[in-house]
N, C-alpha and C. Protein backbone atom coordinates (compact mmCIF):
# COMPACT_ATOMS: atom_id res chain seq x y z
N UNK A 1 2.23 -6.74 27.88
CA UNK A 1 3.37 -5.98 27.45
C UNK A 1 2.99 -5.01 26.35
N UNK A 2 3.48 -3.80 26.41
CA UNK A 2 3.11 -2.78 25.42
C UNK A 2 3.60 -3.15 24.02
N UNK A 3 4.76 -3.77 23.91
CA UNK A 3 5.27 -4.10 22.58
C UNK A 3 4.45 -5.19 21.91
N UNK A 4 3.75 -6.01 22.68
CA UNK A 4 2.91 -7.04 22.10
C UNK A 4 1.72 -6.43 21.37
N UNK A 5 1.32 -5.25 21.73
CA UNK A 5 0.18 -4.58 21.11
C UNK A 5 0.59 -3.73 19.92
N UNK A 6 1.87 -3.52 19.71
CA UNK A 6 2.33 -2.65 18.64
C UNK A 6 2.01 -3.24 17.27
N UNK A 7 1.67 -2.36 16.35
CA UNK A 7 1.44 -2.73 14.96
C UNK A 7 2.50 -2.03 14.12
N UNK A 8 3.00 -2.69 13.11
CA UNK A 8 3.98 -2.07 12.23
C UNK A 8 3.45 -2.04 10.81
N UNK A 9 3.63 -0.90 10.17
CA UNK A 9 3.32 -0.76 8.75
C UNK A 9 4.61 -0.30 8.07
N UNK A 10 4.57 -0.11 6.79
CA UNK A 10 5.76 0.36 6.08
C UNK A 10 6.14 1.78 6.51
N UNK A 11 5.16 2.56 6.97
CA UNK A 11 5.41 3.96 7.31
C UNK A 11 5.48 4.24 8.80
N UNK A 12 4.83 3.41 9.63
CA UNK A 12 4.68 3.72 11.05
C UNK A 12 4.87 2.50 11.94
N UNK A 13 5.26 2.77 13.17
CA UNK A 13 5.11 1.80 14.26
C UNK A 13 4.01 2.40 15.12
N UNK A 14 2.95 1.64 15.35
CA UNK A 14 1.73 2.16 15.97
C UNK A 14 1.42 1.44 17.28
N UNK A 15 0.88 2.21 18.22
CA UNK A 15 0.44 1.69 19.50
C UNK A 15 -1.01 2.14 19.69
N UNK A 16 -1.96 1.20 19.73
CA UNK A 16 -3.39 1.57 19.80
C UNK A 16 -3.75 2.33 21.07
N UNK A 17 -4.62 3.28 20.90
CA UNK A 17 -5.19 4.00 22.02
C UNK A 17 -6.11 3.04 22.76
N UNK A 18 -6.02 2.96 24.08
CA UNK A 18 -6.89 2.03 24.81
C UNK A 18 -8.38 2.34 24.69
N UNK A 19 -8.73 3.55 24.26
CA UNK A 19 -10.15 3.91 24.11
C UNK A 19 -10.70 3.56 22.73
N UNK A 20 -9.87 3.02 21.85
CA UNK A 20 -10.34 2.65 20.51
C UNK A 20 -11.43 1.59 20.59
N UNK A 21 -12.47 1.77 19.80
CA UNK A 21 -13.46 0.72 19.62
C UNK A 21 -12.98 -0.26 18.55
N UNK A 22 -12.17 0.24 17.62
CA UNK A 22 -11.65 -0.56 16.52
C UNK A 22 -10.14 -0.41 16.49
N UNK A 23 -9.42 -1.50 16.45
CA UNK A 23 -7.96 -1.45 16.36
C UNK A 23 -7.55 -1.79 14.95
N UNK A 24 -8.09 -1.02 14.01
CA UNK A 24 -7.85 -1.23 12.59
C UNK A 24 -7.18 0.03 12.05
N UNK A 25 -6.21 -0.15 11.17
CA UNK A 25 -5.60 0.98 10.47
C UNK A 25 -6.41 1.16 9.19
N UNK A 26 -7.27 2.18 9.18
CA UNK A 26 -8.13 2.42 8.03
C UNK A 26 -7.37 3.15 6.93
N UNK A 27 -7.95 3.20 5.75
CA UNK A 27 -7.28 3.74 4.56
C UNK A 27 -7.01 5.24 4.63
N UNK A 28 -7.89 5.98 5.25
CA UNK A 28 -7.75 7.44 5.32
C UNK A 28 -7.04 7.79 6.63
N UNK A 29 -5.89 8.47 6.51
CA UNK A 29 -5.04 8.68 7.68
C UNK A 29 -4.57 10.12 7.78
N UNK A 30 -4.46 10.58 9.03
CA UNK A 30 -3.92 11.91 9.32
C UNK A 30 -2.89 11.76 10.44
N UNK A 31 -1.65 12.12 10.15
CA UNK A 31 -0.59 12.12 11.17
C UNK A 31 -0.52 13.52 11.77
N UNK A 32 -0.56 13.60 13.09
CA UNK A 32 -0.38 14.89 13.77
C UNK A 32 0.84 14.77 14.68
N UNK A 33 1.77 15.71 14.59
CA UNK A 33 3.03 15.60 15.34
C UNK A 33 2.94 16.09 16.78
N UNK A 34 1.91 15.66 17.48
CA UNK A 34 1.70 16.06 18.87
C UNK A 34 1.50 14.79 19.71
N UNK A 35 2.60 14.15 20.14
CA UNK A 35 2.48 12.85 20.80
C UNK A 35 1.77 12.89 22.15
N UNK A 36 1.77 14.03 22.83
CA UNK A 36 1.20 14.09 24.18
C UNK A 36 -0.15 14.80 24.25
N UNK A 37 -0.68 15.22 23.12
CA UNK A 37 -1.96 15.92 23.10
C UNK A 37 -3.11 14.93 23.27
N UNK A 38 -4.06 15.29 24.10
CA UNK A 38 -5.25 14.46 24.27
C UNK A 38 -6.21 14.76 23.11
N UNK A 39 -6.51 13.75 22.33
CA UNK A 39 -7.44 13.89 21.21
C UNK A 39 -8.66 13.05 21.54
N UNK A 40 -9.80 13.69 21.73
CA UNK A 40 -11.05 13.00 22.01
C UNK A 40 -11.81 12.84 20.70
N UNK A 41 -11.68 11.69 20.10
CA UNK A 41 -12.26 11.45 18.78
C UNK A 41 -13.79 11.57 18.80
N UNK A 42 -14.42 11.26 19.92
CA UNK A 42 -15.88 11.33 20.01
C UNK A 42 -16.39 12.75 19.80
N UNK A 43 -15.57 13.74 20.14
CA UNK A 43 -16.00 15.14 20.02
C UNK A 43 -16.07 15.63 18.58
N UNK A 44 -15.58 14.83 17.64
CA UNK A 44 -15.64 15.22 16.22
C UNK A 44 -16.93 14.74 15.55
N UNK A 45 -17.71 13.93 16.24
CA UNK A 45 -18.99 13.41 15.74
C UNK A 45 -18.84 12.83 14.33
N UNK A 46 -17.99 11.84 14.22
CA UNK A 46 -17.69 11.21 12.94
C UNK A 46 -18.78 10.19 12.58
N UNK A 47 -18.98 9.98 11.31
CA UNK A 47 -20.04 9.09 10.84
C UNK A 47 -19.60 7.63 10.77
N UNK A 48 -18.37 7.40 10.34
CA UNK A 48 -17.88 6.04 10.15
C UNK A 48 -16.98 5.59 11.29
N UNK A 49 -16.37 4.44 11.09
CA UNK A 49 -15.44 3.92 12.09
C UNK A 49 -14.12 4.66 12.01
N UNK A 50 -13.42 4.70 13.13
CA UNK A 50 -12.14 5.40 13.21
C UNK A 50 -11.30 4.75 14.29
N UNK A 51 -10.02 5.06 14.29
CA UNK A 51 -9.12 4.61 15.36
C UNK A 51 -8.00 5.62 15.51
N UNK A 52 -7.40 5.63 16.69
CA UNK A 52 -6.33 6.56 17.01
C UNK A 52 -5.16 5.76 17.58
N UNK A 53 -3.97 6.10 17.13
CA UNK A 53 -2.76 5.40 17.55
C UNK A 53 -1.68 6.39 17.95
N UNK A 54 -0.90 6.04 18.97
CA UNK A 54 0.37 6.72 19.19
C UNK A 54 1.26 6.21 18.06
N UNK A 55 2.00 7.11 17.43
CA UNK A 55 2.72 6.72 16.22
C UNK A 55 4.16 7.18 16.23
N UNK A 56 4.99 6.33 15.65
CA UNK A 56 6.38 6.68 15.38
C UNK A 56 6.53 6.60 13.86
N UNK A 57 6.73 7.76 13.21
CA UNK A 57 6.88 7.78 11.76
C UNK A 57 8.31 7.39 11.42
N UNK A 58 8.47 6.31 10.70
CA UNK A 58 9.78 5.71 10.45
C UNK A 58 10.67 6.58 9.57
N UNK A 59 10.11 7.19 8.54
CA UNK A 59 10.92 7.93 7.56
C UNK A 59 11.73 9.07 8.18
N UNK A 60 11.18 9.74 9.20
CA UNK A 60 11.90 10.87 9.81
C UNK A 60 12.02 10.77 11.33
N UNK A 61 11.69 9.60 11.89
CA UNK A 61 11.76 9.38 13.34
C UNK A 61 10.94 10.38 14.14
N UNK A 62 9.83 10.79 13.60
CA UNK A 62 8.96 11.76 14.25
C UNK A 62 7.89 11.04 15.08
N UNK A 63 7.69 11.49 16.31
CA UNK A 63 6.65 10.94 17.17
C UNK A 63 5.39 11.79 17.03
N UNK A 64 4.26 11.14 17.16
CA UNK A 64 2.99 11.85 17.09
C UNK A 64 1.84 10.90 17.27
N UNK A 65 0.72 11.22 16.64
CA UNK A 65 -0.47 10.37 16.69
C UNK A 65 -1.01 10.22 15.28
N UNK A 66 -1.55 9.05 15.01
CA UNK A 66 -2.14 8.77 13.71
C UNK A 66 -3.62 8.49 13.91
N UNK A 67 -4.45 9.34 13.32
CA UNK A 67 -5.89 9.13 13.31
C UNK A 67 -6.23 8.47 11.98
N UNK A 68 -6.95 7.37 12.01
CA UNK A 68 -7.34 6.69 10.78
C UNK A 68 -8.86 6.61 10.70
N UNK A 69 -9.36 6.69 9.48
CA UNK A 69 -10.80 6.79 9.26
C UNK A 69 -11.24 5.85 8.15
N UNK A 70 -12.42 5.30 8.30
CA UNK A 70 -13.02 4.45 7.28
C UNK A 70 -13.53 5.31 6.12
N UNK A 71 -14.05 6.50 6.43
CA UNK A 71 -14.66 7.37 5.42
C UNK A 71 -13.79 8.59 5.15
N UNK A 72 -13.66 8.95 3.88
CA UNK A 72 -12.89 10.14 3.50
C UNK A 72 -13.52 11.41 4.06
N UNK A 73 -14.84 11.45 4.18
CA UNK A 73 -15.52 12.63 4.72
C UNK A 73 -15.12 12.86 6.18
N UNK A 74 -14.93 11.79 6.94
CA UNK A 74 -14.50 11.93 8.32
C UNK A 74 -13.06 12.44 8.41
N UNK A 75 -12.22 12.01 7.48
CA UNK A 75 -10.84 12.51 7.42
C UNK A 75 -10.86 14.02 7.18
N UNK A 76 -11.66 14.48 6.23
CA UNK A 76 -11.76 15.90 5.93
C UNK A 76 -12.30 16.68 7.12
N UNK A 77 -13.29 16.13 7.82
CA UNK A 77 -13.86 16.79 8.99
C UNK A 77 -12.81 16.92 10.10
N UNK A 78 -12.04 15.86 10.32
CA UNK A 78 -11.00 15.89 11.34
C UNK A 78 -9.95 16.95 11.00
N UNK A 79 -9.51 16.98 9.75
CA UNK A 79 -8.50 17.97 9.33
C UNK A 79 -9.03 19.40 9.52
N UNK A 80 -10.29 19.61 9.23
CA UNK A 80 -10.87 20.94 9.33
C UNK A 80 -11.04 21.39 10.79
N UNK A 81 -11.36 20.46 11.67
CA UNK A 81 -11.65 20.82 13.06
C UNK A 81 -10.47 20.67 14.02
N UNK A 82 -9.44 19.94 13.63
CA UNK A 82 -8.32 19.69 14.54
C UNK A 82 -7.53 20.97 14.77
N UNK A 83 -7.37 21.33 16.04
CA UNK A 83 -6.59 22.50 16.44
C UNK A 83 -5.64 22.05 17.55
N UNK A 84 -4.33 22.12 17.31
CA UNK A 84 -3.39 21.67 18.35
C UNK A 84 -3.41 22.63 19.54
N UNK A 85 -3.13 22.07 20.72
CA UNK A 85 -3.07 22.87 21.95
C UNK A 85 -1.94 23.88 21.90
């Protein structure tokens, strides 16, 4: 069941991407308001661990995706290279 896989935090309700190697919500996070965009995390050539979630932001009921990163440098790289369709 999809709801059994959902994770809840104070800010988000999260659904892990099936391609995640790690289903961890790391400290460095980037919310992108594009729920249907295909984001291939491997193409960013990140150094540390990362995970991607379909996300529902609770504060404003906004749907999107949450990319989380173990390293702050990877967060900065993602922000610099991410271009929405």
